[in-house]
C-alpha atoms as a PDB file:
ATOM      1  CA  MET A   1     -15.944  61.935 -74.176  1.00  0.00           C
ATOM      2  CA  ASN A   2     -13.068  59.969 -73.548  1.00  0.00           C
ATOM      3  CA  THR A   3     -12.484  58.028 -77.020  1.00  0.00           C
ATOM      4  CA  ASN A   4     -14.134  58.272 -80.455  1.00  0.00           C
ATOM      5  CA  THR A   5     -14.465  54.040 -80.533  1.00  0.00           C
ATOM      6  CA  PHE A   6     -16.731  52.395 -78.263  1.00  0.00           C
ATOM      7  CA  THR A   7     -15.595  48.910 -76.688  1.00  0.00           C
ATOM      8  CA  ASP A   8     -16.775  48.462 -73.218  1.00  0.00           C
ATOM      9  CA  LYS A   9     -17.745  51.487 -72.098  1.00  0.00           C
ATOM     10  CA  LEU A  10     -18.016  55.353 -72.754  1.00  0.00           C
ATOM     11  CA  GLU A  11     -17.378  58.174 -70.211  1.00  0.00           C
ATOM     12  CA  VAL A  12     -18.909  61.491 -71.439  1.00  0.00           C
ATOM     13  CA  SER A  13     -18.131  64.553 -69.310  1.00  0.00           C
ATOM     14  CA  VAL A  14     -19.933  68.267 -70.036  1.00  0.00           C
ATOM     15  CA  THR A  15     -19.156  71.393 -68.012  1.00  0.00           C
ATOM     16  CA  ILE A  16     -21.981  73.550 -66.910  1.00  0.00           C
ATOM     17  CA  THR A  17     -21.404  77.215 -66.340  1.00  0.00           C
ATOM     18  CA  ASN A  18     -23.843  79.527 -64.992  1.00  0.00           C
ATOM     19  CA  THR A  19     -23.508  82.818 -67.281  1.00  0.00           C
ATOM     20  CA  GLY A  20     -26.672  84.500 -65.927  1.00  0.00           C
ATOM     21  CA  ASN A  21     -26.842  86.977 -62.893  1.00  0.00           C
ATOM     22  CA  THR A  22     -28.732  84.652 -60.315  1.00  0.00           C
ATOM     23  CA  SER A  23     -27.580  81.252 -58.798  1.00  0.00           C
ATOM     24  CA  GLY A  24     -29.548  78.104 -59.996  1.00  0.00           C
ATOM     25  CA  LYS A  25     -29.413  74.709 -60.698  1.00  0.00           C
ATOM     26  CA  GLU A  26     -29.572  72.775 -64.438  1.00  0.00           C
ATOM     27  CA  VAL A  27     -30.782  69.696 -65.367  1.00  0.00           C
ATOM     28  CA  VAL A  28     -28.128  68.142 -67.726  1.00  0.00           C
ATOM     29  CA  GLN A  29     -29.653  65.356 -69.944  1.00  0.00           C
ATOM     30  CA  LEU A  30     -27.665  62.746 -72.340  1.00  0.00           C
ATOM     31  CA  TYR A  31     -29.356  61.440 -75.526  1.00  0.00           C
ATOM     32  CA  LEU A  32     -28.340  58.841 -77.941  1.00  0.00           C
ATOM     33  CA  THR A  33     -29.098  58.423 -81.342  1.00  0.00           C
ATOM     34  CA  ALA A  34     -28.244  54.841 -82.731  1.00  0.00           C
ATOM     35  CA  PRO A  35     -28.094  53.620 -85.885  1.00  0.00           C
ATOM     36  CA  GLN A  36     -30.966  51.974 -87.835  1.00  0.00           C
ATOM     37  CA  ASP A  37     -29.962  48.341 -88.519  1.00  0.00           C
ATOM     38  CA  LYS A  38     -31.694  45.048 -87.210  1.00  0.00           C
ATOM     39  CA  VAL A  39     -33.680  46.767 -85.013  1.00  0.00           C
ATOM     40  CA  ASP A  40     -35.641  50.292 -85.879  1.00  0.00           C
ATOM     41  CA  LYS A  41     -34.814  52.439 -82.869  1.00  0.00           C
ATOM     42  CA  PRO A  42     -35.902  55.986 -81.926  1.00  0.00           C
ATOM     43  CA  VAL A  43     -34.427  59.025 -83.441  1.00  0.00           C
ATOM     44  CA  ILE A  44     -33.617  60.070 -79.958  1.00  0.00           C
ATOM     45  CA  GLU A  45     -33.428  58.319 -76.677  1.00  0.00           C
ATOM     46  CA  LEU A  46     -32.783  59.849 -73.391  1.00  0.00           C
ATOM     47  CA  LYS A  47     -30.085  57.575 -71.571  1.00  0.00           C
ATOM     48  CA  ALA A  48     -28.925  59.499 -68.429  1.00  0.00           C
ATOM     49  CA  PHE A  49     -29.524  62.789 -66.553  1.00  0.00           C
ATOM     50  CA  ASP A  50     -28.006  64.446 -63.518  1.00  0.00           C
ATOM     51  CA  LYS A  51     -28.447  67.835 -61.649  1.00  0.00           C
ATOM     52  CA  THR A  52     -26.027  70.371 -60.835  1.00  0.00           C
ATOM     53  CA  LYS A  53     -25.506  71.829 -57.465  1.00  0.00           C
ATOM     54  CA  VAL A  54     -26.647  75.049 -57.062  1.00  0.00           C
ATOM     55  CA  LEU A  55     -24.180  77.122 -59.387  1.00  0.00           C
ATOM     56  CA  LYS A  56     -23.678  80.917 -58.394  1.00  0.00           C
ATOM     57  CA  PRO A  57     -22.994  83.322 -61.310  1.00  0.00           C
ATOM     58  CA  ASN A  58     -19.698  82.249 -63.369  1.00  0.00           C
ATOM     59  CA  SER A  59     -19.314  79.452 -61.536  1.00  0.00           C
ATOM     60  CA  SER A  60     -19.120  75.929 -63.367  1.00  0.00           C
ATOM     61  CA  GLN A  61     -19.541  71.988 -62.498  1.00  0.00           C
ATOM     62  CA  THR A  62     -18.616  69.122 -64.576  1.00  0.00           C
ATOM     63  CA  VAL A  63     -21.013  66.473 -64.924  1.00  0.00           C
ATOM     64  CA  LYS A  64     -19.958  62.943 -65.878  1.00  0.00           C
ATOM     65  CA  PHE A  65     -21.850  59.839 -67.510  1.00  0.00           C
ATOM     66  CA  ILE A  66     -20.663  56.322 -68.029  1.00  0.00           C
ATOM     67  CA  LEU A  67     -22.539  54.358 -70.735  1.00  0.00           C
ATOM     68  CA  ASN A  68     -21.733  50.606 -70.787  1.00  0.00           C
ATOM     69  CA  PRO A  69     -22.898  48.169 -73.377  1.00  0.00           C
ATOM     70  CA  LYS A  70     -26.526  47.467 -72.094  1.00  0.00           C
ATOM     71  CA  ASP A  71     -27.019  51.436 -71.968  1.00  0.00           C
ATOM     72  CA  LEU A  72     -26.746  51.235 -75.975  1.00  0.00           C
ATOM     73  CA  ALA A  73     -28.154  47.753 -76.549  1.00  0.00           C
ATOM     74  CA  SER A  74     -31.398  46.619 -78.581  1.00  0.00           C
ATOM     75  CA  PHE A  75     -33.134  43.180 -77.967  1.00  0.00           C
ATOM     76  CA  ILE A  76     -32.865  41.300 -81.193  1.00  0.00           C
ATOM     77  CA  ASP A  77     -35.115  38.563 -81.330  1.00  0.00           C
ATOM     78  CA  ASP A  78     -33.348  36.324 -83.893  1.00  0.00           C
ATOM     79  CA  ASP A  79     -29.915  36.248 -81.363  1.00  0.00           C
ATOM     80  CA  SER A  80     -32.149  36.162 -78.408  1.00  0.00           C
ATOM     81  CA  ALA A  81     -29.756  38.751 -77.302  1.00  0.00           C
ATOM     82  CA  TRP A  82     -29.458  42.553 -76.359  1.00  0.00           C
ATOM     83  CA  VAL A  83     -27.013  43.746 -78.767  1.00  0.00           C
ATOM     84  CA  VAL A  84     -24.723  47.014 -79.301  1.00  0.00           C
ATOM     85  CA  GLU A  85     -25.316  47.351 -83.104  1.00  0.00           C
ATOM     86  CA  LYS A  86     -22.207  48.477 -84.714  1.00  0.00           C
ATOM     87  CA  GLY A  87     -22.290  51.732 -86.671  1.00  0.00           C
ATOM     88  CA  VAL A  88     -21.818  55.456 -85.697  1.00  0.00           C
ATOM     89  CA  TYR A  89     -23.953  57.006 -82.574  1.00  0.00           C
ATOM     90  CA  THR A  90     -24.417  60.312 -81.888  1.00  0.00           C
ATOM     91  CA  ILE A  91     -24.473  61.663 -78.293  1.00  0.00           C
ATOM     92  CA  LYS A  92     -26.218  64.729 -77.546  1.00  0.00           C
ATOM     93  CA  ILE A  93     -26.192  66.847 -74.456  1.00  0.00           C
ATOM     94  CA  GLY A  94     -28.849  69.241 -73.494  1.00  0.00           C
ATOM     95  CA  THR A  95     -31.516  70.743 -70.847  1.00  0.00           C
ATOM     96  CA  SER A  96     -34.223  68.721 -72.920  1.00  0.00           C
ATOM     97  CA  SER A  97     -34.316  66.915 -76.215  1.00  0.00           C
ATOM     98  CA  LEU A  98     -35.405  70.386 -78.071  1.00  0.00           C
ATOM     99  CA  GLN A  99     -32.495  72.105 -76.476  1.00  0.00           C
ATOM    100  CA  ILE A 100     -29.541  70.285 -77.461  1.00  0.00           C
ATOM    101  CA  LYS A 101     -26.236  72.338 -76.783  1.00  0.00           C
ATOM    102  CA  GLN A 102     -23.279  69.876 -77.623  1.00  0.00           C
ATOM    103  CA  THR A 103     -23.090  66.458 -79.671  1.00  0.00           C
ATOM    104  CA  ALA A 104     -20.298  64.040 -80.281  1.00  0.00           C
ATOM    105  CA  ASN A 105     -20.214  60.989 -82.337  1.00  0.00           C
ATOM    106  CA  PHE A 106     -18.528  57.947 -81.802  1.00  0.00           C
ATOM    107  CA  THR A 107     -18.160  54.318 -83.407  1.00  0.00           C
ATOM    108  CA  VAL A 108     -19.178  50.928 -82.562  1.00  0.00           C
ATOM    109  CA  ALA A 109     -16.478  48.570 -84.907  1.00  0.00           C
ATOM    110  CA  GLN A 110     -18.802  45.350 -84.590  1.00  0.00           C
ATOM    111  CA  ASN A 111     -21.604  44.111 -82.976  1.00  0.00           C
ATOM    112  CA  ILE A 112     -21.464  43.525 -79.294  1.00  0.00           C
ATOM    113  CA  ILE A 113     -23.302  40.948 -77.323  1.00  0.00           C
ATOM    114  CA  ALA A 114     -24.481  42.944 -74.021  1.00  0.00           C
ATOM    115  CA  GLU A 115     -26.233  40.278 -72.720  1.00  0.00           C
ATOM    116  CA  LYS A 116     -27.331  36.578 -74.286  1.00  0.00           C
ATOM    117  CA  VAL A 117     -30.940  35.688 -72.831  1.00  0.00           C
ATOM    118  CA  HIS A 118     -32.460  32.246 -72.835  1.00  0.00           C
ATOM    119  CA  ASP A 119     -35.415  31.867 -75.511  1.00  0.00           C
ATOM    120  CA  VAL A 120     -38.158  30.957 -72.969  1.00  0.00           C
ATOM    121  CA  PHE A 121     -40.781  31.128 -75.815  1.00  0.00           C
ATOM    122  CA  LYS A 122     -39.398  29.820 -78.837  1.00  0.00           C
ATOM    123  CA  LEU A 123     -42.133  28.753 -81.176  1.00  0.00           C
ATOM    124  CA  ASP A 124     -41.743  25.475 -82.923  1.00  0.00           C
ATOM    125  CA  ILE A 125     -42.816  26.988 -86.343  1.00  0.00           C
ATOM    126  CA  PRO A 126     -42.366  30.300 -87.892  1.00  0.00           C
ATOM    127  CA  MET A 127     -44.782  33.269 -86.667  1.00  0.00           C
ATOM    128  CA  ASN A 128     -45.954  33.811 -90.480  1.00  0.00           C
ATOM    129  CA  ALA A 129     -47.294  30.015 -90.351  1.00  0.00           C
ATOM    130  CA  VAL A 130     -49.062  30.402 -87.148  1.00  0.00           C
ATOM    131  CA  LEU A 131     -50.643  33.440 -88.841  1.00  0.00           C
ATOM    132  CA  LYS A 132     -52.093  31.560 -91.524  1.00  0.00           C
ATOM    133  CA  TYR A 133     -54.466  29.809 -89.584  1.00  0.00           C
END
């Protein structure tokens, strides 16, 4: 990673080396675990993936991913916005969610509004009041 603190983008690089005796490709997957705050989030979420070229034995390739605020954001109804919530995030690199090879943490110091949207379906009365009828 290019930093331990997220502000506007995060670059993640990983080098894949073929340690076997046969040429082949590998799919590299980037997963994210986000802090639980206002919005319940998945424990682990696939955010990006890429496939290497054919790697001969003992050859390597570096794969790069760039994460932007929208990639980390969750929709918060009360704010009518996609928000990157403050806290510690964990990046996990692997070939599947069950085959994680590397992890790294980074921090978002304060909430970041990735995108503000227009509240088209705003209710005139709270939803819990509607449910009483």
